Amino acid sequence: MIATIADWIGAGCLVAGALLALAAGIGVLRFPDALSRMHAATKPQVLGVLLLLLGIALRLRSPADLGMILLVAVFQLATAPVAAQMIGRAAYRSGRLDRSLLDADELAERGPGGGPAGPA
């Protein structure tokens, strides 16, 4: 009984995760600028992968599989924010974003391209 319920919840997580990953892929293709694409590539994609992993964990239930799933989840959570930061910084430095879309521009005071402003 509990295994059946876990299987159904796992199936729901798999479908929800797949839909979020699909939405992330569509967002990367459809959004107009680098910052919007960066958001689409990281936020829903990470949640989608975590939901997929939760669905797989609910289905498999063995300690070895759960350990591997946990490692994948931790790696995903550790690398996605770093990748988003690097993509955003590269887009800013190369000038491939519309600065009028920024609410705040903390890097503008650091000099051209967001690097150090030079000796003070």
Protein backbone atom coordinates (compact mmCIF):
# COMPACT_ATOMS: atom_id res chain seq x y z
CA MET A 1 0.00 0.00 0.00
CA ILE A 2 2.68 2.52 1.00
CA ALA A 3 4.89 1.37 -1.88
CA THR A 4 2.04 2.02 -4.31
CA ILE A 5 1.47 5.49 -2.92
CA ALA A 6 5.21 6.22 -3.13
CA ASP A 7 5.20 5.03 -6.75
CA TRP A 8 2.33 7.38 -7.62
CA ILE A 9 3.96 10.32 -5.87
CA GLY A 10 7.22 9.45 -7.65
CA ALA A 11 5.40 9.40 -10.98
CA GLY A 12 3.94 12.83 -10.24
CA CYS A 13 7.40 14.16 -9.39
CA LEU A 14 8.79 12.72 -12.62
CA VAL A 15 6.09 14.38 -14.72
CA ALA A 16 6.43 17.72 -12.90
CA GLY A 17 10.23 17.61 -13.21
CA ALA A 18 10.05 16.80 -16.90
CA LEU A 19 7.62 19.68 -17.50
CA LEU A 20 9.88 22.12 -15.64
CA ALA A 21 12.91 20.95 -17.62
CA LEU A 22 10.89 21.39 -20.82
CA ALA A 23 9.87 24.90 -19.75
CA ALA A 24 13.54 25.71 -19.06
CA GLY A 25 14.54 24.55 -22.53
CA ILE A 26 11.77 26.55 -24.19
CA GLY A 27 12.76 29.60 -22.14
CA VAL A 28 16.37 29.36 -23.26
CA LEU A 29 15.22 29.29 -26.88
CA ARG A 30 12.57 32.00 -26.62
CA PHE A 31 13.86 34.64 -24.19
CA PRO A 32 15.43 37.67 -25.88
CA ASP A 33 18.48 38.53 -23.76
CA ALA A 34 21.30 36.78 -21.94
CA LEU A 35 20.06 37.49 -18.42
CA SER A 36 16.59 36.10 -19.11
CA ARG A 37 18.11 33.03 -20.74
CA MET A 38 20.42 32.58 -17.77
CA HIS A 39 17.43 32.62 -15.46
CA ALA A 40 15.58 30.09 -17.60
CA ALA A 41 18.61 27.84 -17.79
CA THR A 42 19.15 27.67 -14.03
CA LYS A 43 16.03 28.20 -11.93
CA PRO A 44 13.38 25.87 -13.40
CA GLN A 45 15.99 23.44 -14.67
CA VAL A 46 17.43 22.85 -11.20
CA LEU A 47 13.99 22.38 -9.66
CA GLY A 48 13.06 20.06 -12.53
CA VAL A 49 16.16 17.92 -12.02
CA LEU A 50 15.54 17.77 -8.27
CA LEU A 51 11.94 16.68 -8.85
CA LEU A 52 13.14 14.03 -11.29
CA LEU A 53 15.65 12.79 -8.74
CA LEU A 54 12.97 12.72 -6.03
CA GLY A 55 10.71 10.70 -8.31
CA ILE A 56 13.51 8.25 -9.06
CA ALA A 57 14.37 7.99 -5.35
CA LEU A 58 10.76 7.24 -4.48
CA ARG A 59 10.72 4.49 -7.08
CA LEU A 60 14.10 2.81 -6.47
CA ARG A 61 14.40 2.99 -2.65
CA SER A 62 17.70 1.09 -2.32
CA PRO A 63 20.45 2.66 -0.18
CA ALA A 64 23.06 2.54 -2.95
CA ASP A 65 20.73 4.24 -5.41
CA LEU A 66 19.67 6.85 -2.86
CA GLY A 67 23.31 7.69 -2.16
CA MET A 68 24.02 8.21 -5.84
CA ILE A 69 20.87 10.31 -6.27
CA LEU A 70 21.90 12.45 -3.30
CA LEU A 71 25.34 13.02 -4.83
CA VAL A 72 23.79 14.09 -8.13
CA ALA A 73 21.42 16.48 -6.32
CA VAL A 74 24.24 18.06 -4.30
CA PHE A 75 26.40 18.45 -7.42
CA GLN A 76 23.49 20.06 -9.28
CA LEU A 77 22.82 22.50 -6.44
CA ALA A 78 26.52 23.36 -6.18
CA THR A 79 27.22 23.96 -9.87
CA ALA A 80 24.09 25.67 -11.23
CA PRO A 81 24.46 28.93 -9.23
CA VAL A 82 28.16 29.15 -10.11
CA ALA A 83 27.40 28.61 -13.79
CA ALA A 84 24.68 31.29 -13.69
CA GLN A 85 27.07 33.75 -12.05
CA MET A 86 29.75 33.10 -14.67
CA ILE A 87 27.28 33.41 -17.56
CA GLY A 88 25.92 36.67 -16.16
CA ARG A 89 29.40 38.11 -15.63
CA ALA A 90 30.52 37.09 -19.13
CA ALA A 91 27.41 38.66 -20.67
CA TYR A 92 28.01 41.86 -18.70
CA ARG A 93 31.68 42.10 -19.61
CA SER A 94 31.10 41.41 -23.28
CA GLY A 95 28.27 43.95 -23.47
CA ARG A 96 25.71 41.40 -24.63
CA LEU A 97 22.93 42.65 -22.39
CA ASP A 98 20.62 45.63 -22.33
CA ARG A 99 21.71 47.65 -19.29
CA SER A 100 18.36 49.45 -19.23
CA LEU A 101 16.83 46.16 -18.04
CA LEU A 102 18.97 46.17 -14.90
CA ASP A 103 17.33 47.42 -11.69
CA ALA A 104 20.74 48.01 -10.11
CA ASP A 105 24.16 48.01 -11.70
CA GLU A 106 26.70 47.34 -8.97
CA LEU A 107 29.45 46.61 -11.48
CA ALA A 108 29.24 49.99 -13.23
CA GLU A 109 31.36 51.68 -10.56
CA ARG A 110 34.09 49.05 -10.95
CA GLY A 111 35.18 50.27 -14.37
CA PRO A 112 34.69 49.08 -17.95
CA GLY A 113 33.54 45.50 -18.26
CA GLY A 114 32.90 45.15 -14.53
CA GLY A 115 36.55 44.63 -13.70
CA PRO A 116 38.67 46.54 -11.22
CA ALA A 117 38.56 50.33 -11.61
CA GLY A 118 42.32 50.60 -11.36
CA PRO A 119 44.60 52.16 -8.75
CA ALA A 120 42.86 54.60 -6.43
